PDB file of N, CA and C in Angstrom:
ATOM      1  N   MET A   1     -21.517  -7.822   2.560  1.00  0.00           N
ATOM      2  CA  MET A   1     -22.236  -6.658   2.301  1.00  0.00           C
ATOM      3  C   MET A   1     -21.599  -6.093   1.057  1.00  0.00           C
ATOM      4  N   PRO A   2     -22.398  -5.930   0.002  1.00  0.00           N
ATOM      5  CA  PRO A   2     -21.918  -5.305  -1.272  1.00  0.00           C
ATOM      6  C   PRO A   2     -21.669  -3.789  -1.103  1.00  0.00           C
ATOM      7  N   TRP A   3     -20.535  -3.340  -1.666  1.00  0.00           N
ATOM      8  CA  TRP A   3     -20.214  -1.894  -1.669  1.00  0.00           C
ATOM      9  C   TRP A   3     -20.753  -1.271  -2.915  1.00  0.00           C
ATOM     10  N   ASP A   4     -20.593   0.088  -2.859  1.00  0.00           N
ATOM     11  CA  ASP A   4     -20.958   0.931  -4.038  1.00  0.00           C
ATOM     12  C   ASP A   4     -20.094   2.153  -4.015  1.00  0.00           C
ATOM     13  N   LYS A   5     -20.344   3.074  -4.822  1.00  0.00           N
ATOM     14  CA  LYS A   5     -19.449   4.298  -4.978  1.00  0.00           C
ATOM     15  C   LYS A   5     -19.517   5.228  -3.858  1.00  0.00           C
ATOM     16  N   ASP A   6     -20.574   5.078  -2.934  1.00  0.00           N
ATOM     17  CA  ASP A   6     -20.704   5.926  -1.810  1.00  0.00           C
ATOM     18  C   ASP A   6     -20.523   5.149  -0.418  1.00  0.00           C
ATOM     19  N   ASN A   7     -20.506   3.849  -0.479  1.00  0.00           N
ATOM     20  CA  ASN A   7     -20.172   2.972   0.660  1.00  0.00           C
ATOM     21  C   ASN A   7     -19.195   1.941   0.270  1.00  0.00           C
ATOM     22  N   TYR A   8     -17.970   2.182   0.764  1.00  0.00           N
ATOM     23  CA  TYR A   8     -16.887   1.332   0.449  1.00  0.00           C
ATOM     24  C   TYR A   8     -15.916   1.179   1.599  1.00  0.00           C
ATOM     25  N   PRO A   9     -15.044   0.218   1.484  1.00  0.00           N
ATOM     26  CA  PRO A   9     -14.096   0.082   2.635  1.00  0.00           C
ATOM     27  C   PRO A   9     -13.188   1.273   2.835  1.00  0.00           C
ATOM     28  N   ASP A  10     -12.878   1.660   4.056  1.00  0.00           N
ATOM     29  CA  ASP A  10     -11.920   2.680   4.392  1.00  0.00           C
ATOM     30  C   ASP A  10     -10.694   2.680   3.654  1.00  0.00           C
ATOM     31  N   SER A  11     -10.203   1.488   3.450  1.00  0.00           N
ATOM     32  CA  SER A  11      -8.926   1.284   2.857  1.00  0.00           C
ATOM     33  C   SER A  11      -8.807   1.844   1.380  1.00  0.00           C
ATOM     34  N   LEU A  12     -10.000   2.219   0.814  1.00  0.00           N
ATOM     35  CA  LEU A  12     -10.044   2.602  -0.539  1.00  0.00           C
ATOM     36  C   LEU A  12     -10.313   4.131  -0.697  1.00  0.00           C
ATOM     37  N   LYS A  13     -10.320   4.909   0.436  1.00  0.00           N
ATOM     38  CA  LYS A  13     -10.726   6.260   0.513  1.00  0.00           C
ATOM     39  C   LYS A  13      -9.723   7.136  -0.262  1.00  0.00           C
ATOM     40  N   ASN A  14      -8.446   6.866  -0.308  1.00  0.00           N
ATOM     41  CA  ASN A  14      -7.461   7.649  -0.854  1.00  0.00           C
ATOM     42  C   ASN A  14      -7.153   7.451  -2.379  1.00  0.00           C
ATOM     43  N   PHE A  15      -7.994   6.434  -2.908  1.00  0.00           N
ATOM     44  CA  PHE A  15      -7.930   6.135  -4.388  1.00  0.00           C
ATOM     45  C   PHE A  15      -8.680   7.077  -5.225  1.00  0.00           C
ATOM     46  N   THR A  16      -8.339   7.342  -6.522  1.00  0.00           N
ATOM     47  CA  THR A  16      -9.164   8.039  -7.305  1.00  0.00           C
ATOM     48  C   THR A  16     -10.510   7.224  -7.574  1.00  0.00           C
ATOM     49  N   ALA A  17     -11.509   8.077  -7.976  1.00  0.00           N
ATOM     50  CA  ALA A  17     -12.737   7.407  -8.171  1.00  0.00           C
ATOM     51  C   ALA A  17     -12.801   6.301  -9.148  1.00  0.00           C
ATOM     52  N   PRO A  18     -12.089   6.337 -10.347  1.00  0.00           N
ATOM     53  CA  PRO A  18     -12.181   5.133 -11.177  1.00  0.00           C
ATOM     54  C   PRO A  18     -11.506   3.942 -10.709  1.00  0.00           C
ATOM     55  N   VAL A  19     -10.467   4.100  -9.843  1.00  0.00           N
ATOM     56  CA  VAL A  19      -9.701   2.944  -9.244  1.00  0.00           C
ATOM     57  C   VAL A  19     -10.530   2.394  -8.168  1.00  0.00           C
ATOM     58  N   ARG A  20     -11.056   3.219  -7.311  1.00  0.00           N
ATOM     59  CA  ARG A  20     -12.008   2.672  -6.285  1.00  0.00           C
ATOM     60  C   ARG A  20     -13.149   2.098  -6.893  1.00  0.00           C
ATOM     61  N   GLY A  21     -13.671   2.588  -7.936  1.00  0.00           N
ATOM     62  CA  GLY A  21     -14.886   1.956  -8.504  1.00  0.00           C
ATOM     63  C   GLY A  21     -14.538   0.514  -9.048  1.00  0.00           C
ATOM     64  N   LYS A  22     -13.371   0.357  -9.591  1.00  0.00           N
ATOM     65  CA  LYS A  22     -12.884  -0.941 -10.136  1.00  0.00           C
ATOM     66  C   LYS A  22     -12.719  -1.831  -8.949  1.00  0.00           C
ATOM     67  N   ALA A  23     -12.145  -1.303  -7.889  1.00  0.00           N
ATOM     68  CA  ALA A  23     -11.874  -2.215  -6.706  1.00  0.00           C
ATOM     69  C   ALA A  23     -13.159  -2.577  -6.076  1.00  0.00           C
ATOM     70  N   VAL A  24     -14.076  -1.757  -5.970  1.00  0.00           N
ATOM     71  CA  VAL A  24     -15.420  -2.101  -5.481  1.00  0.00           C
ATOM     72  C   VAL A  24     -16.087  -3.265  -6.330  1.00  0.00           C
ATOM     73  N   GLU A  25     -16.100  -3.036  -7.648  1.00  0.00           N
ATOM     74  CA  GLU A  25     -16.535  -4.058  -8.606  1.00  0.00           C
ATOM     75  C   GLU A  25     -15.887  -5.388  -8.448  1.00  0.00           C
ATOM     76  N   ILE A  26     -14.618  -5.431  -8.274  1.00  0.00           N
ATOM     77  CA  ILE A  26     -13.874  -6.712  -8.177  1.00  0.00           C
ATOM     78  C   ILE A  26     -14.238  -7.337  -6.825  1.00  0.00           C
ATOM     79  N   ALA A  27     -14.246  -6.516  -5.715  1.00  0.00           N
ATOM     80  CA  ALA A  27     -14.496  -6.959  -4.421  1.00  0.00           C
ATOM     81  C   ALA A  27     -15.916  -7.658  -4.242  1.00  0.00           C
ATOM     82  N   ASN A  28     -16.837  -6.942  -4.827  1.00  0.00           N
ATOM     83  CA  ASN A  28     -18.170  -7.443  -4.856  1.00  0.00           C
ATOM     84  C   ASN A  28     -18.335  -8.793  -5.511  1.00  0.00           C
ATOM     85  N   ALA A  29     -17.562  -8.893  -6.679  1.00  0.00           N
ATOM     86  CA  ALA A  29     -17.603 -10.188  -7.521  1.00  0.00           C
ATOM     87  C   ALA A  29     -16.930 -11.226  -6.592  1.00  0.00           C
ATOM     88  N   LEU A  30     -15.899 -10.888  -5.937  1.00  0.00           N
ATOM     89  CA  LEU A  30     -15.282 -11.963  -5.108  1.00  0.00           C
ATOM     90  C   LEU A  30     -16.146 -12.382  -3.930  1.00  0.00           C
ATOM     91  N   LEU A  31     -16.765 -11.389  -3.389  1.00  0.00           N
ATOM     92  CA  LEU A  31     -17.784 -11.729  -2.202  1.00  0.00           C
ATOM     93  C   LEU A  31     -18.846 -12.659  -2.752  1.00  0.00           C
ATOM     94  N   GLU A  32     -19.372 -12.573  -3.923  1.00  0.00           N
ATOM     95  CA  GLU A  32     -20.319 -13.426  -4.472  1.00  0.00           C
ATOM     96  C   GLU A  32     -19.787 -14.743  -4.646  1.00  0.00           C
ATOM     97  N   GLU A  33     -18.501 -14.862  -4.967  1.00  0.00           N
ATOM     98  CA  GLU A  33     -17.891 -16.139  -5.136  1.00  0.00           C
ATOM     99  C   GLU A  33     -17.537 -16.786  -3.830  1.00  0.00           C
ATOM    100  N   GLY A  34     -17.774 -16.215  -2.685  1.00  0.00           N
ATOM    101  CA  GLY A  34     -17.551 -16.770  -1.350  1.00  0.00           C
ATOM    102  C   GLY A  34     -16.291 -16.361  -0.663  1.00  0.00           C
ATOM    103  N   TYR A  35     -15.617 -15.412  -1.134  1.00  0.00           N
ATOM    104  CA  TYR A  35     -14.332 -14.871  -0.555  1.00  0.00           C
ATOM    105  C   TYR A  35     -14.700 -14.219   0.730  1.00  0.00           C
ATOM    106  N   GLU A  36     -13.791 -14.357   1.686  1.00  0.00           N
ATOM    107  CA  GLU A  36     -13.924 -13.589   2.981  1.00  0.00           C
ATOM    108  C   GLU A  36     -13.702 -12.126   2.662  1.00  0.00           C
ATOM    109  N   GLU A  37     -14.418 -11.290   3.437  1.00  0.00           N
ATOM    110  CA  GLU A  37     -14.433  -9.867   3.206  1.00  0.00           C
ATOM    111  C   GLU A  37     -12.911  -9.243   3.125  1.00  0.00           C
ATOM    112  N   GLY A  38     -12.160  -9.544   4.117  1.00  0.00           N
ATOM    113  CA  GLY A  38     -10.768  -8.948   4.127  1.00  0.00           C
ATOM    114  C   GLY A  38      -9.929  -9.389   2.895  1.00  0.00           C
ATOM    115  N   ARG A  39     -10.108 -10.668   2.561  1.00  0.00           N
ATOM    116  CA  ARG A  39      -9.307 -11.220   1.483  1.00  0.00           C
ATOM    117  C   ARG A  39      -9.844 -10.688   0.181  1.00  0.00           C
ATOM    118  N   ALA A  40     -11.124 -10.363   0.025  1.00  0.00           N
ATOM    119  CA  ALA A  40     -11.687  -9.829  -1.242  1.00  0.00           C
ATOM    120  C   ALA A  40     -11.193  -8.439  -1.423  1.00  0.00           C
ATOM    121  N   ILE A  41     -11.144  -7.661  -0.276  1.00  0.00           N
ATOM    122  CA  ILE A  41     -10.613  -6.270  -0.398  1.00  0.00           C
ATOM    123  C   ILE A  41      -9.181  -6.128  -0.760  1.00  0.00           C
ATOM    124  N   ALA A  42      -8.335  -7.101  -0.201  1.00  0.00           N
ATOM    125  CA  ALA A  42      -6.875  -7.112  -0.563  1.00  0.00           C
ATOM    126  C   ALA A  42      -6.695  -7.462  -2.023  1.00  0.00           C
ATOM    127  N   ILE A  43      -7.464  -8.495  -2.501  1.00  0.00           N
ATOM    128  CA  ILE A  43      -7.292  -8.966  -3.951  1.00  0.00           C
ATOM    129  C   ILE A  43      -7.799  -7.891  -4.831  1.00  0.00           C
ATOM    130  N   ALA A  44      -8.883  -7.257  -4.474  1.00  0.00           N
ATOM    131  CA  ALA A  44      -9.520  -6.230  -5.340  1.00  0.00           C
ATOM    132  C   ALA A  44      -8.637  -5.000  -5.433  1.00  0.00           C
ATOM    133  N   THR A  45      -7.959  -4.608  -4.240  1.00  0.00           N
ATOM    134  CA  THR A  45      -7.044  -3.407  -4.386  1.00  0.00           C
ATOM    135  C   THR A  45      -5.880  -3.741  -5.104  1.00  0.00           C
ATOM    136  N   SER A  46      -5.258  -4.854  -5.092  1.00  0.00           N
ATOM    137  CA  SER A  46      -4.197  -5.097  -5.886  1.00  0.00           C
ATOM    138  C   SER A  46      -4.600  -5.196  -7.399  1.00  0.00           C
ATOM    139  N   GLN A  47      -5.612  -5.796  -7.708  1.00  0.00           N
ATOM    140  CA  GLN A  47      -6.088  -5.955  -9.152  1.00  0.00           C
ATOM    141  C   GLN A  47      -6.497  -4.605  -9.638  1.00  0.00           C
ATOM    142  N   ALA A  48      -7.143  -3.716  -8.905  1.00  0.00           N
ATOM    143  CA  ALA A  48      -7.574  -2.408  -9.322  1.00  0.00           C
ATOM    144  C   ALA A  48      -6.272  -1.478  -9.568  1.00  0.00           C
ATOM    145  N   LYS A  49      -5.240  -1.658  -8.716  1.00  0.00           N
ATOM    146  CA  LYS A  49      -3.990  -0.866  -9.048  1.00  0.00           C
ATOM    147  C   LYS A  49      -3.394  -1.316 -10.385  1.00  0.00           C
ATOM    148  N   GLU A  50      -3.379  -2.701 -10.532  1.00  0.00           N
ATOM    149  CA  GLU A  50      -2.788  -3.112 -11.866  1.00  0.00           C
ATOM    150  C   GLU A  50      -3.630  -2.690 -13.027  1.00  0.00           C
ATOM    151  N   TRP A  51      -4.970  -2.613 -12.841  1.00  0.00           N
ATOM    152  CA  TRP A  51      -5.825  -2.101 -13.936  1.00  0.00           C
ATOM    153  C   TRP A  51      -5.501  -0.684 -14.273  1.00  0.00           C
ATOM    154  N   ALA A  52      -5.238   0.050 -13.264  1.00  0.00           N
ATOM    155  CA  ALA A  52      -4.883   1.517 -13.440  1.00  0.00           C
ATOM    156  C   ALA A  52      -3.611   1.677 -14.014  1.00  0.00           C
ATOM    157  N   ASP A  53      -2.639   0.973 -13.620  1.00  0.00           N
ATOM    158  CA  ASP A  53      -1.309   0.972 -14.103  1.00  0.00           C
ATOM    159  C   ASP A  53      -1.310   0.696 -15.707  1.00  0.00           C
ATOM    160  N   ASN A  54      -2.101  -0.378 -16.058  1.00  0.00           N
ATOM    161  CA  ASN A  54      -2.095  -0.762 -17.306  1.00  0.00           C
ATOM    162  C   ASN A  54      -2.854   0.225 -18.317  1.00  0.00           C
ATOM    163  N   ARG A  55      -3.571   1.222 -17.708  1.00  0.00           N
ATOM    164  CA  ARG A  55      -4.206   2.256 -18.521  1.00  0.00           C
ATOM    165  C   ARG A  55      -3.630   3.676 -18.235  1.00  0.00           C
ATOM    166  N   ASN A  56      -2.563   3.646 -17.523  1.00  0.00           N
ATOM    167  CA  ASN A  56      -1.910   4.925 -17.273  1.00  0.00           C
ATOM    168  C   ASN A  56      -2.838   5.912 -16.466  1.00  0.00           C
ATOM    169  N   LYS A  57      -3.594   5.375 -15.593  1.00  0.00           N
ATOM    170  CA  LYS A  57      -4.527   6.147 -14.817  1.00  0.00           C
ATOM    171  C   LYS A  57      -3.914   6.346 -13.511  1.00  0.00           C
ATOM    172  N   GLN A  58      -4.196   7.605 -12.901  1.00  0.00           N
ATOM    173  CA  GLN A  58      -3.703   7.984 -11.576  1.00  0.00           C
ATOM    174  C   GLN A  58      -4.451   7.018 -10.541  1.00  0.00           C
ATOM    175  N   ILE A  59      -3.597   6.559  -9.602  1.00  0.00           N
ATOM    176  CA  ILE A  59      -4.067   5.560  -8.693  1.00  0.00           C
ATOM    177  C   ILE A  59      -4.615   6.312  -7.423  1.00  0.00           C
ATOM    178  N   ARG A  60      -3.853   7.167  -6.848  1.00  0.00           N
ATOM    179  CA  ARG A  60      -4.211   7.817  -5.611  1.00  0.00           C
ATOM    180  C   ARG A  60      -4.610   9.199  -5.838  1.00  0.00           C
ATOM    181  N   LYS A  61      -5.511   9.791  -5.022  1.00  0.00           N
ATOM    182  CA  LYS A  61      -5.934  11.142  -5.095  1.00  0.00           C
ATOM    183  C   LYS A  61      -4.593  12.036  -4.913  1.00  0.00           C
ATOM    184  N   LYS A  62      -4.539  13.185  -5.419  1.00  0.00           N
ATOM    185  CA  LYS A  62      -3.432  14.092  -5.286  1.00  0.00           C
ATOM    186  C   LYS A  62      -3.198  14.417  -3.754  1.00  0.00           C
ATOM    187  N   GLY A  63      -1.939  14.366  -3.306  1.00  0.00           N
ATOM    188  CA  GLY A  63      -1.705  14.678  -1.983  1.00  0.00           C
ATOM    189  C   GLY A  63      -1.666  13.448  -1.018  1.00  0.00           C
ATOM    190  N   HIS A  64      -1.910  12.260  -1.794  1.00  0.00           N
ATOM    191  CA  HIS A  64      -1.895  10.963  -0.889  1.00  0.00           C
ATOM    192  C   HIS A  64      -0.828  10.113  -1.323  1.00  0.00           C
TER     193      HIS A  64
END
């Protein structure tokens, strides 16, 4: 099931919108390639954090 900015895995709820958006984008691409949903989320989360770190973006919402 593809995700979007309003419908995404619970594990992404504490991320800032840009990081969550990147994770959703990556996860959807992995699903299209045949990855299992849980594995796609794990990989996408890791890659989205790296993406944010490389751009000096805040990863989690304030207070989390």
